[in-house]
Amino acid sequence: MTVVTKTTRGSPRIILTAILVIASLALLLVLGTWQVERLYWKEGLLADIAARRSAEPVPLAEVEKALAAGEDVEYRRVSLSGTFDHTKERHFFATFEGRTGFYIYTPMALTDGRMILINRGFVPYEMKEPSTRAAGEVTGEQAITGYARSKLAEKPSMIVPENDLAKNIFYWKDLDAMASNAGLSNVIPMFVDADAAVTNPGGWPKGGVTQFDLPNNHLQYAVTWYGLAVALLAVVFGMWWRSRRSPDMPDGGGR
């Protein structure tokens, strides 16, 4: 009679515990499965980027056409030519090969009068001013190859400072702000990163600064979530087994 009373009183608690365990297990499995899906997506993206990097450069007009059609043109190799306007270069705060400095975004005037911002490459912090690297301020028509970058306004997180327009220092890429700050109009809605094949007199800016090493930790995350699910099941089984062996149960202690 005592055993029946204890079991009856414990039933709501047991049901609530079971609901919480099932809900937690379902959540962990959903998170693990989501990370597996993200893993396949990221691997596909990395393979696509690798294919684009090894492809031959295509004319700018072809990339523009794809962009206008809503296609993803990020990291597509592109070739173009035009004249740089070094008086309106913008400075993007960056680190490269362990050094702090800036990526130099310089407007290039195309033959049809439009402008496009070219990331010509990296210069050390002390070479921010063009006068410190005058040899690299190339004149006349220049032909370059590089990578299309269509992500135009991406502030990575709240901790990244706001762009300092007064000092011409950008902490995150914002094409509209760069173009407006430089007094540009009729700007093509993408950047181009000059590749390592583009060399400048004096060595600066140094091209080939595009970062391709996208983090891919989804397998680790999936293993973590699935591992927690297994651990939860192990804890529940251990508690159940312990309760079965408890002397307070009708069959406890082998009685």
Protein backbone atom coordinates (compact mmCIF):
# COMPACT_ATOMS: atom_id res chain seq x y z
CA MET A 1 0.00 0.00 0.00
CA THR A 2 2.86 2.35 0.84
CA VAL A 3 4.55 1.55 -2.47
CA VAL A 4 1.41 2.39 -4.44
CA THR A 5 1.07 5.72 -2.65
CA LYS A 6 4.67 6.72 -3.43
CA THR A 7 4.33 5.75 -7.07
CA THR A 8 1.07 7.65 -7.44
CA ARG A 9 2.50 10.79 -5.88
CA GLY A 10 5.60 10.53 -8.01
CA SER A 11 3.77 10.09 -11.29
CA PRO A 12 3.40 13.84 -12.18
CA ARG A 13 7.07 14.39 -11.42
CA ILE A 14 8.05 11.42 -13.55
CA ILE A 15 5.86 12.63 -16.43
CA LEU A 16 7.30 16.15 -16.23
CA THR A 17 10.85 14.78 -16.18
CA ALA A 18 10.11 12.58 -19.17
CA ILE A 19 8.70 15.54 -21.11
CA LEU A 20 11.79 17.65 -20.33
CA VAL A 21 14.13 14.83 -21.33
CA ILE A 22 12.31 14.20 -24.61
CA ALA A 23 12.18 17.92 -25.43
CA SER A 24 15.88 18.36 -24.64
CA LEU A 25 16.81 15.30 -26.67
CA ALA A 26 14.75 16.50 -29.63
CA LEU A 27 16.38 19.94 -29.46
CA LEU A 28 19.90 18.47 -29.38
CA LEU A 29 19.13 16.22 -32.35
CA VAL A 30 17.65 19.11 -34.32
CA LEU A 31 20.72 21.26 -33.64
CA GLY A 32 23.06 18.43 -34.62
CA THR A 33 21.15 17.77 -37.84
CA TRP A 34 21.13 21.48 -38.67
CA GLN A 35 24.91 21.58 -38.32
CA VAL A 36 25.24 18.57 -40.63
CA GLU A 37 23.15 20.41 -43.21
CA ARG A 38 25.34 23.49 -42.74
CA LEU A 39 28.41 21.29 -43.18
CA TYR A 40 27.23 20.09 -46.59
CA TRP A 41 26.36 23.67 -47.56
CA LYS A 42 29.78 25.00 -46.48
CA GLU A 43 31.65 22.20 -48.26
CA GLY A 44 29.71 22.98 -51.43
CA LEU A 45 30.50 26.68 -51.04
CA LEU A 46 34.22 26.02 -50.54
CA ALA A 47 34.28 23.75 -53.58
CA ASP A 48 32.55 26.45 -55.61
CA ILE A 49 35.05 29.08 -54.47
CA ALA A 50 37.95 26.78 -55.33
CA ALA A 51 36.51 26.29 -58.83
CA ARG A 52 36.11 30.03 -59.30
CA ARG A 53 39.67 30.70 -58.16
CA SER A 54 41.07 28.31 -60.76
CA ALA A 55 38.89 29.60 -63.62
CA GLU A 56 40.17 31.98 -66.28
CA PRO A 57 39.23 35.66 -65.76
CA VAL A 58 36.15 36.82 -67.64
CA PRO A 59 35.42 40.38 -68.83
CA LEU A 60 33.82 42.72 -66.33
CA ALA A 61 30.72 43.00 -68.53
CA GLU A 62 30.05 39.26 -68.11
CA VAL A 63 30.23 39.48 -64.33
CA GLU A 64 27.98 42.56 -64.35
CA LYS A 65 25.42 40.69 -66.41
CA ALA A 66 25.41 37.79 -63.95
CA LEU A 67 25.12 40.18 -61.01
CA ALA A 68 22.16 41.97 -62.63
CA ALA A 69 20.47 38.59 -63.12
CA GLY A 70 20.72 37.93 -59.39
CA GLU A 71 23.50 35.36 -59.65
CA ASP A 72 26.18 34.96 -57.01
CA VAL A 73 29.37 36.48 -58.43
CA GLU A 74 31.43 36.47 -55.23
CA TYR A 75 35.06 35.48 -55.94
CA ARG A 76 34.53 35.15 -59.69
CA ARG A 77 37.72 36.03 -61.54
CA VAL A 78 37.39 39.15 -63.62
CA SER A 79 39.52 41.22 -65.99
CA LEU A 80 39.10 44.93 -66.65
CA SER A 81 40.99 48.06 -67.57
CA GLY A 82 40.69 51.75 -66.83
CA THR A 83 42.40 54.72 -65.23
CA PHE A 84 42.90 55.08 -61.47
CA ASP A 85 41.97 58.26 -59.61
CA HIS A 86 44.43 58.12 -56.73
CA THR A 87 43.19 61.38 -55.24
CA LYS A 88 40.01 59.61 -54.14
CA GLU A 89 41.38 56.38 -52.71
CA ARG A 90 39.69 55.05 -49.56
CA HIS A 91 41.51 53.27 -46.73
CA PHE A 92 40.21 50.06 -45.18
CA PHE A 93 41.81 49.13 -41.85
CA ALA A 94 43.24 45.59 -42.09
CA THR A 95 45.98 43.19 -41.12
CA PHE A 96 47.97 41.19 -43.65
CA GLU A 97 50.78 38.72 -43.09
CA GLY A 98 51.03 39.79 -39.45
CA ARG A 99 51.23 43.53 -40.16
CA THR A 100 48.68 46.23 -39.43
CA GLY A 101 47.80 48.66 -42.16
CA PHE A 102 45.21 49.37 -44.83
CA TYR A 103 43.71 47.97 -47.99
CA ILE A 104 43.74 50.70 -50.61
CA TYR A 105 40.42 51.04 -52.44
CA THR A 106 40.99 53.22 -55.50
CA PRO A 107 38.33 54.34 -57.99
CA MET A 108 38.98 53.17 -61.55
CA ALA A 109 37.35 55.13 -64.37
CA LEU A 110 36.16 52.88 -67.20
CA THR A 111 35.99 53.93 -70.85
CA ASP A 112 32.20 54.39 -70.60
CA GLY A 113 32.59 56.91 -67.77
CA ARG A 114 31.49 54.62 -64.95
CA MET A 115 33.56 54.02 -61.83
CA ILE A 116 34.44 50.89 -59.92
CA LEU A 117 36.30 50.63 -56.62
CA ILE A 118 39.39 48.44 -56.82
CA ASN A 119 41.05 46.96 -53.76
CA ARG A 120 44.60 47.40 -55.03
CA GLY A 121 46.08 45.67 -52.00
CA PHE A 122 47.76 46.20 -48.66
CA VAL A 123 50.06 48.95 -47.37
CA PRO A 124 51.62 49.11 -43.87
CA TYR A 125 50.09 51.52 -41.36
CA GLU A 126 52.88 54.05 -41.78
CA MET A 127 52.26 54.16 -45.54
CA LYS A 128 48.64 55.27 -45.38
CA GLU A 129 49.40 58.56 -47.09
CA PRO A 130 49.94 58.26 -50.87
CA SER A 131 53.05 60.43 -50.69
CA THR A 132 54.88 57.62 -48.86
CA ARG A 133 54.37 55.26 -51.84
CA ALA A 134 54.35 57.61 -54.80
CA ALA A 135 55.93 55.02 -57.11
CA GLY A 136 52.84 52.85 -56.79
CA GLU A 137 50.46 55.59 -57.90
CA VAL A 138 50.40 54.31 -61.47
CA THR A 139 49.04 56.55 -64.23
CA GLY A 140 47.46 55.93 -67.61
CA GLU A 141 45.25 53.02 -68.55
CA GLN A 142 45.86 49.95 -66.43
CA ALA A 143 44.74 46.38 -67.10
CA ILE A 144 44.15 44.24 -64.01
CA THR A 145 42.76 40.87 -63.00
CA GLY A 146 41.09 40.12 -59.72
CA TYR A 147 38.11 38.78 -57.84
CA ALA A 148 34.60 40.17 -57.88
CA ARG A 149 33.28 41.04 -54.43
CA SER A 150 29.57 41.69 -54.32
CA LYS A 151 29.03 41.84 -50.56
CA LEU A 152 28.80 45.59 -50.22
CA ALA A 153 27.68 46.51 -46.72
CA GLU A 154 28.55 43.95 -44.08
CA LYS A 155 29.28 45.05 -40.54
CA PRO A 156 30.68 41.86 -38.97
CA SER A 157 29.45 42.54 -35.44
CA MET A 158 28.46 45.23 -32.96
CA ILE A 159 32.02 45.43 -31.62
CA VAL A 160 33.39 46.63 -34.97
CA PRO A 161 33.78 50.45 -34.87
CA GLU A 162 31.78 52.70 -37.12
CA ASN A 163 33.57 53.88 -40.24
CA ASP A 164 35.48 57.10 -39.62
CA LEU A 165 34.60 59.12 -42.72
CA ALA A 166 36.40 62.25 -41.50
CA LYS A 167 39.73 60.39 -41.28
CA ASN A 168 39.07 58.22 -44.33
CA ILE A 169 39.33 55.01 -42.30
CA PHE A 170 36.84 52.22 -42.96
CA TYR A 171 36.47 49.33 -40.54
CA TRP A 172 33.86 47.47 -42.58
CA LYS A 173 33.01 47.49 -46.27
CA ASP A 174 30.23 49.86 -47.27
CA LEU A 175 30.33 50.71 -50.97
CA ASP A 176 27.78 53.50 -50.74
CA ALA A 177 29.68 55.18 -47.91
CA MET A 178 33.01 54.80 -49.70
CA ALA A 179 31.65 56.19 -52.95
CA SER A 180 29.86 59.09 -51.26
CA ASN A 181 32.87 59.89 -49.08
CA ALA A 182 35.06 60.03 -52.20
CA GLY A 183 32.54 62.14 -54.14
CA LEU A 184 31.94 59.42 -56.73
CA SER A 185 28.88 58.87 -58.88
CA ASN A 186 27.82 56.27 -61.44
CA VAL A 187 29.58 53.54 -59.44
CA ILE A 188 29.27 49.86 -60.38
CA PRO A 189 27.70 48.01 -57.40
CA MET A 190 30.60 45.75 -56.55
CA PHE A 191 34.26 45.80 -55.61
CA VAL A 192 37.16 44.06 -57.33
CA ASP A 193 40.13 42.71 -55.35
CA ALA A 194 43.30 42.88 -57.44
CA ASP A 195 45.01 39.49 -57.43
CA ALA A 196 48.67 38.67 -56.82
CA ALA A 197 49.40 38.91 -60.54
CA VAL A 198 49.01 42.68 -60.27
CA THR A 199 52.31 44.18 -59.14
CA ASN A 200 52.94 47.85 -58.50
CA PRO A 201 56.15 49.87 -58.77
CA GLY A 202 57.82 50.11 -55.39
CA GLY A 203 55.91 47.04 -54.21
CA TRP A 204 52.98 48.96 -52.72
CA PRO A 205 50.07 48.42 -52.57
CA LYS A 206 50.65 44.66 -52.43
CA GLY A 207 47.92 42.79 -54.29
CA GLY A 208 46.54 39.34 -53.65
CA VAL A 209 45.00 40.07 -50.26
CA THR A 210 41.67 38.31 -50.78
CA GLN A 211 40.87 35.92 -47.92
CA PHE A 212 39.52 32.52 -49.00
CA ASP A 213 39.90 30.61 -45.73
CA LEU A 214 36.26 30.50 -44.66
CA PRO A 215 35.80 28.81 -41.26
CA ASN A 216 34.19 25.38 -41.43
CA ASN A 217 33.55 24.13 -37.91
CA HIS A 218 30.14 22.58 -38.59
CA LEU A 219 31.35 18.99 -38.16
CA GLN A 220 32.74 19.87 -34.75
CA TYR A 221 29.46 21.53 -33.77
CA ALA A 222 27.43 18.55 -35.05
CA VAL A 223 29.55 16.12 -33.03
CA THR A 224 29.10 18.32 -29.97
CA TRP A 225 25.29 18.41 -30.21
CA TYR A 226 25.00 14.70 -30.97
CA GLY A 227 27.46 13.95 -28.19
CA LEU A 228 25.32 15.89 -25.73
CA ALA A 229 22.29 13.91 -26.89
CA VAL A 230 24.15 10.64 -26.21
CA ALA A 231 25.30 11.95 -22.82
CA LEU A 232 21.72 12.88 -21.93
CA LEU A 233 20.54 9.38 -22.79
CA ALA A 234 23.37 7.91 -20.72
CA VAL A 235 22.40 10.03 -17.70
CA VAL A 236 18.73 9.07 -18.02
CA PHE A 237 19.60 5.39 -18.36
CA GLY A 238 21.93 5.62 -15.35
CA MET A 239 19.22 7.23 -13.23
CA TRP A 240 16.70 4.61 -14.34
CA TRP A 241 19.10 1.78 -13.56
CA ARG A 242 19.90 3.26 -10.18
CA SER A 243 16.20 3.57 -9.35
CA ARG A 244 15.67 -0.05 -10.32
CA ARG A 245 18.42 -1.09 -7.89
CA SER A 246 17.18 1.15 -5.06
CA PRO A 247 15.96 -0.61 -1.89
CA ASP A 248 12.94 1.75 -1.90
CA MET A 249 11.56 0.04 -5.00
CA PRO A 250 9.51 -3.16 -4.73
CA ASP A 251 12.19 -5.21 -6.44
CA GLY A 252 15.15 -3.21 -5.10
CA GLY A 253 18.19 -5.07 -3.92
CA GLY A 254 17.01 -8.15 -5.72
CA ARG A 255 14.13 -8.73 -3.24
